[in-house]
Protein backbone atom coordinates (compact mmCIF):
# COMPACT_ATOMS: atom_id res chain seq x y z
CA MET A 1 16.99 -16.45 7.40
CA SER A 2 17.77 -12.54 8.08
CA ASN A 3 16.56 -9.85 10.34
CA ILE A 4 15.85 -6.54 10.22
CA ILE A 5 14.42 -4.18 12.45
CA LEU A 6 12.54 -1.00 10.23
CA LYS A 7 11.07 1.71 11.93
CA VAL A 8 7.59 2.14 10.96
CA GLU A 9 5.98 5.82 11.01
CA GLY A 10 2.07 6.38 11.24
CA MET A 11 1.52 3.45 13.28
CA SER A 12 -1.03 4.05 16.16
CA CYS A 13 -3.26 1.56 17.48
CA ASN A 14 -3.92 -2.46 17.39
CA HIS A 15 -5.64 -1.94 13.95
CA CYS A 16 -1.98 -0.74 12.25
CA VAL A 17 0.10 -3.53 14.20
CA ASN A 18 -2.65 -5.63 12.43
CA SER A 19 -2.01 -4.23 9.13
CA VAL A 20 1.50 -4.48 8.96
CA GLU A 21 2.09 -8.17 10.94
CA LYS A 22 -0.32 -9.42 8.21
CA ALA A 23 1.50 -7.43 5.04
CA VAL A 24 4.42 -8.91 5.99
CA ARG A 25 3.13 -11.99 6.62
CA GLU A 26 1.59 -12.36 3.07
CA LEU A 27 5.05 -11.61 1.56
CA GLY A 28 6.35 -15.16 3.00
CA ALA A 29 8.25 -13.14 6.33
CA GLU A 30 7.39 -12.92 9.98
CA GLY A 31 6.83 -9.75 11.30
CA LYS A 32 6.28 -8.30 14.93
CA VAL A 33 5.31 -4.72 15.70
CA ASN A 34 6.34 -3.04 18.59
CA LEU A 35 4.07 -0.16 18.54
CA ALA A 36 5.99 1.71 21.55
CA ASN A 37 9.15 2.12 19.63
CA LYS A 38 7.61 2.45 16.28
CA GLU A 39 9.29 -0.90 14.90
CA VAL A 40 8.50 -3.75 13.15
CA GLU A 41 11.10 -6.61 13.47
CA VAL A 42 10.99 -8.91 10.35
CA GLN A 43 12.44 -11.77 10.18
CA PHE A 44 12.57 -13.22 6.04
CA ASP A 45 14.83 -15.62 3.78
CA GLU A 46 16.91 -12.79 1.92
CA THR A 47 17.00 -15.40 -0.71
CA LYS A 48 13.28 -14.87 -1.64
CA LEU A 49 12.52 -11.65 -0.69
CA SER A 50 13.88 -8.12 -0.67
CA ILE A 51 14.17 -5.58 2.16
CA GLU A 52 12.71 -3.29 -0.63
CA ALA A 53 9.76 -5.15 -1.56
CA ILE A 54 9.03 -5.72 2.62
CA LYS A 55 9.40 -1.91 3.20
CA ASP A 56 6.56 -1.21 -0.08
CA ALA A 57 4.15 -3.82 1.36
CA ILE A 58 4.18 -1.47 4.44
CA GLU A 59 4.10 1.14 3.05
CA GLU A 60 1.31 0.04 0.71
CA GLN A 61 -0.86 0.04 3.73
CA GLY A 62 -0.19 3.56 4.95
CA TYR A 63 2.60 3.90 6.41
CA ASP A 64 5.93 5.15 6.35
CA VAL A 65 9.46 3.34 6.61
CA VAL A 66 11.83 5.80 7.93
CA GLN A 67 14.85 3.21 8.18
């Protein structure tokens, strides 16, 4: 398993947290949002999922991944 922390702009409330965590979970990964730091920590299997796919899933929810 790999672990990455992504900076995400546009998150401001619990709905945002739920949207991002759900998008990551639907890919088969685990995400934990830190709203205060505007970050999401993602644990994923790099043999099954790319970082780009994770970023795309978050951005499809309307947020900007800046890292």
